[in-house]
C-alpha atoms as a PDB file:
ATOM      1  CA  MET A   1     -51.387 -33.602 -80.270  1.00  0.00           C
ATOM      2  CA  ARG A   2     -52.866 -30.332 -79.092  1.00  0.00           C
ATOM      3  CA  ARG A   3     -51.764 -31.029 -75.527  1.00  0.00           C
ATOM      4  CA  GLN A   4     -48.195 -31.712 -76.662  1.00  0.00           C
ATOM      5  CA  GLN A   5     -48.209 -28.540 -78.743  1.00  0.00           C
ATOM      6  CA  ALA A   6     -49.522 -26.526 -75.787  1.00  0.00           C
ATOM      7  CA  ARG A   7     -46.860 -28.052 -73.499  1.00  0.00           C
ATOM      8  CA  ARG A   8     -44.089 -27.146 -75.972  1.00  0.00           C
ATOM      9  CA  GLU A   9     -45.421 -23.611 -76.224  1.00  0.00           C
ATOM     10  CA  ARG A  10     -45.500 -23.278 -72.419  1.00  0.00           C
ATOM     11  CA  GLN A  11     -41.951 -24.630 -72.174  1.00  0.00           C
ATOM     12  CA  GLN A  12     -40.772 -22.247 -74.891  1.00  0.00           C
ATOM     13  CA  ALA A  13     -42.482 -19.326 -73.146  1.00  0.00           C
ATOM     14  CA  GLU A  14     -40.713 -20.276 -69.901  1.00  0.00           C
ATOM     15  CA  VAL A  15     -37.335 -20.416 -71.690  1.00  0.00           C
ATOM     16  CA  ASP A  16     -38.045 -17.039 -73.321  1.00  0.00           C
ATOM     17  CA  ARG A  17     -38.893 -15.477 -69.928  1.00  0.00           C
ATOM     18  CA  ALA A  18     -35.723 -16.886 -68.325  1.00  0.00           C
ATOM     19  CA  SER A  19     -33.632 -15.666 -71.234  1.00  0.00           C
ATOM     20  CA  ALA A  20     -35.136 -12.170 -71.057  1.00  0.00           C
ATOM     21  CA  GLU A  21     -34.502 -12.009 -67.306  1.00  0.00           C
ATOM     22  CA  THR A  22     -30.891 -13.070 -67.811  1.00  0.00           C
ATOM     23  CA  GLU A  23     -30.408 -10.388 -70.475  1.00  0.00           C
ATOM     24  CA  ARG A  24     -31.866  -7.738 -68.161  1.00  0.00           C
ATOM     25  CA  GLY A  25     -29.502  -8.866 -65.404  1.00  0.00           C
ATOM     26  CA  LEU A  26     -26.509  -8.670 -67.719  1.00  0.00           C
ATOM     27  CA  ALA A  27     -27.511  -5.223 -68.952  1.00  0.00           C
ATOM     28  CA  THR A  28     -27.624  -3.871 -65.408  1.00  0.00           C
ATOM     29  CA  TRP A  29     -24.303  -5.537 -64.602  1.00  0.00           C
ATOM     30  CA  LEU A  30     -22.326  -3.813 -67.363  1.00  0.00           C
ATOM     31  CA  PRO A  31     -19.866  -1.360 -65.801  1.00  0.00           C
ATOM     32  CA  ASN A  32     -19.842   2.328 -66.638  1.00  0.00           C
ATOM     33  CA  PRO A  33     -16.812   2.919 -68.908  1.00  0.00           C
ATOM     34  CA  SER A  34     -16.640   6.677 -68.198  1.00  0.00           C
ATOM     35  CA  PRO A  35     -14.253   6.493 -65.194  1.00  0.00           C
ATOM     36  CA  ALA A  36     -11.854   4.218 -67.071  1.00  0.00           C
ATOM     37  CA  ILE A  37     -11.922   6.486 -70.124  1.00  0.00           C
ATOM     38  CA  GLU A  38     -11.302   9.576 -67.978  1.00  0.00           C
ATOM     39  CA  ARG A  39      -8.420   7.872 -66.158  1.00  0.00           C
ATOM     40  CA  SER A  40      -6.927   6.796 -69.469  1.00  0.00           C
ATOM     41  CA  MET A  41      -7.034  10.367 -70.760  1.00  0.00           C
ATOM     42  CA  GLN A  42      -5.393  11.654 -67.577  1.00  0.00           C
ATOM     43  CA  LEU A  43      -2.656   9.019 -67.705  1.00  0.00           C
ATOM     44  CA  ARG A  44      -2.052   9.706 -71.402  1.00  0.00           C
ATOM     45  CA  HIS A  45      -1.613  13.415 -70.639  1.00  0.00           C
ATOM     46  CA  LYS A  46       0.829  12.625 -67.814  1.00  0.00           C
ATOM     47  CA  VAL A  47       2.836  10.261 -70.001  1.00  0.00           C
ATOM     48  CA  LEU A  48       3.094  12.778 -72.825  1.00  0.00           C
ATOM     49  CA  THR A  49       4.159  15.483 -70.370  1.00  0.00           C
ATOM     50  CA  ALA A  50       6.812  13.161 -68.916  1.00  0.00           C
ATOM     51  CA  ILE A  51       8.148  12.265 -72.382  1.00  0.00           C
ATOM     52  CA  GLU A  52       8.368  15.966 -73.266  1.00  0.00           C
ATOM     53  CA  ALA A  53      10.268  16.686 -70.040  1.00  0.00           C
ATOM     54  CA  PHE A  54      12.565  13.724 -70.708  1.00  0.00           C
ATOM     55  CA  ALA A  55      13.349  14.925 -74.242  1.00  0.00           C
ATOM     56  CA  THR A  56      14.076  18.438 -72.971  1.00  0.00           C
ATOM     57  CA  ASN A  57      16.375  17.043 -70.292  1.00  0.00           C
ATOM     58  CA  GLU A  58      18.249  14.898 -72.817  1.00  0.00           C
ATOM     59  CA  GLU A  59      18.820  17.981 -74.998  1.00  0.00           C
ATOM     60  CA  HIS A  60      20.167  19.789 -71.936  1.00  0.00           C
ATOM     61  CA  ILE A  61      22.500  16.846 -71.192  1.00  0.00           C
ATOM     62  CA  ALA A  62      23.749  16.982 -74.787  1.00  0.00           C
ATOM     63  CA  ARG A  63      24.563  20.703 -74.481  1.00  0.00           C
ATOM     64  CA  LEU A  64      26.376  20.138 -71.163  1.00  0.00           C
ATOM     65  CA  HIS A  65      28.504  17.390 -72.662  1.00  0.00           C
ATOM     66  CA  GLU A  66      29.340  19.538 -75.687  1.00  0.00           C
ATOM     67  CA  ASP A  67      30.509  22.250 -73.260  1.00  0.00           C
ATOM     68  CA  LEU A  68      32.549  19.645 -71.373  1.00  0.00           C
ATOM     69  CA  ALA A  69      34.086  18.443 -74.641  1.00  0.00           C
ATOM     70  CA  ALA A  70      35.141  21.995 -75.456  1.00  0.00           C
ATOM     71  CA  SER A  71      36.693  22.587 -72.043  1.00  0.00           C
ATOM     72  CA  HIS A  72      38.349  19.144 -71.592  1.00  0.00           C
ATOM     73  CA  PRO A  73      40.238  18.260 -74.780  1.00  0.00           C
ATOM     74  CA  GLY A  74      41.614  15.047 -73.257  1.00  0.00           C
ATOM     75  CA  ARG A  75      38.126  13.564 -72.930  1.00  0.00           C
ATOM     76  CA  ARG A  76      36.553  15.313 -75.907  1.00  0.00           C
ATOM     77  CA  ASP A  77      35.618  12.116 -77.772  1.00  0.00           C
ATOM     78  CA  GLU A  78      33.937  10.607 -74.718  1.00  0.00           C
ATOM     79  CA  TYR A  79      31.913  13.760 -74.016  1.00  0.00           C
ATOM     80  CA  ARG A  80      30.870  14.111 -77.649  1.00  0.00           C
ATOM     81  CA  ARG A  81      29.813  10.456 -77.766  1.00  0.00           C
ATOM     82  CA  VAL A  82      27.604  10.964 -74.693  1.00  0.00           C
ATOM     83  CA  ALA A  83      26.228  14.201 -76.188  1.00  0.00           C
ATOM     84  CA  GLU A  84      25.323  12.386 -79.411  1.00  0.00           C
ATOM     85  CA  GLN A  85      23.625   9.582 -77.477  1.00  0.00           C
ATOM     86  CA  ALA A  86      21.580  12.163 -75.571  1.00  0.00           C
ATOM     87  CA  ARG A  87      20.575  13.888 -78.834  1.00  0.00           C
ATOM     88  CA  VAL A  88      19.503  10.559 -80.362  1.00  0.00           C
ATOM     89  CA  THR A  89      17.454   9.755 -77.258  1.00  0.00           C
ATOM     90  CA  ALA A  90      15.826  13.196 -77.360  1.00  0.00           C
ATOM     91  CA  ARG A  91      14.951  12.733 -81.055  1.00  0.00           C
ATOM     92  CA  THR A  92      13.448   9.322 -80.320  1.00  0.00           C
ATOM     93  CA  ALA A  93      11.334  10.809 -77.530  1.00  0.00           C
ATOM     94  CA  ARG A  94      10.143  13.613 -79.834  1.00  0.00           C
ATOM     95  CA  GLU A  95       9.207  11.021 -82.490  1.00  0.00           C
ATOM     96  CA  MET A  96       7.170   9.193 -79.850  1.00  0.00           C
ATOM     97  CA  LEU A  97       5.356  12.443 -79.090  1.00  0.00           C
ATOM     98  CA  ARG A  98       4.587  13.017 -82.771  1.00  0.00           C
ATOM     99  CA  SER A  99       3.271   9.462 -83.097  1.00  0.00           C
ATOM    100  CA  ALA A 100       1.140   9.875 -79.985  1.00  0.00           C
ATOM    101  CA  ALA A 101      -0.332  13.088 -81.395  1.00  0.00           C
ATOM    102  CA  ALA A 102      -2.013  10.959 -84.061  1.00  0.00           C
ATOM    103  CA  GLY A 103      -3.750   8.946 -81.308  1.00  0.00           C
ATOM    104  CA  PRO A 104      -6.774   9.880 -79.195  1.00  0.00           C
ATOM    105  CA  ALA A 105      -6.861  13.504 -78.071  1.00  0.00           C
ATOM    106  CA  CYS A 106      -5.879  14.299 -74.538  1.00  0.00           C
ATOM    107  CA  ASN A 107      -7.331  17.320 -72.839  1.00  0.00           C
END
């Protein structure tokens, strides 16, 4: 009985050692998340800057089409329709920016 108990204890000790070595190997394998986090912050900043520029451009397009509508009465409805579409797109972009402001901070 004692020999069987000693054998089981040796086997369990061997399993415990192998398990501990595996855990140590996994711990050293885990990648450093810092570069991915930094890249994510940089990309987020670029995206927000691009959305802001897009919204500004759409507002500019709307103003241009309003000017065209005023100077070309024959196509006034078409120009005003395009101007309204540009304003709606600009508002949507600004809403996206406001929503993104609630997310993680970008430096």
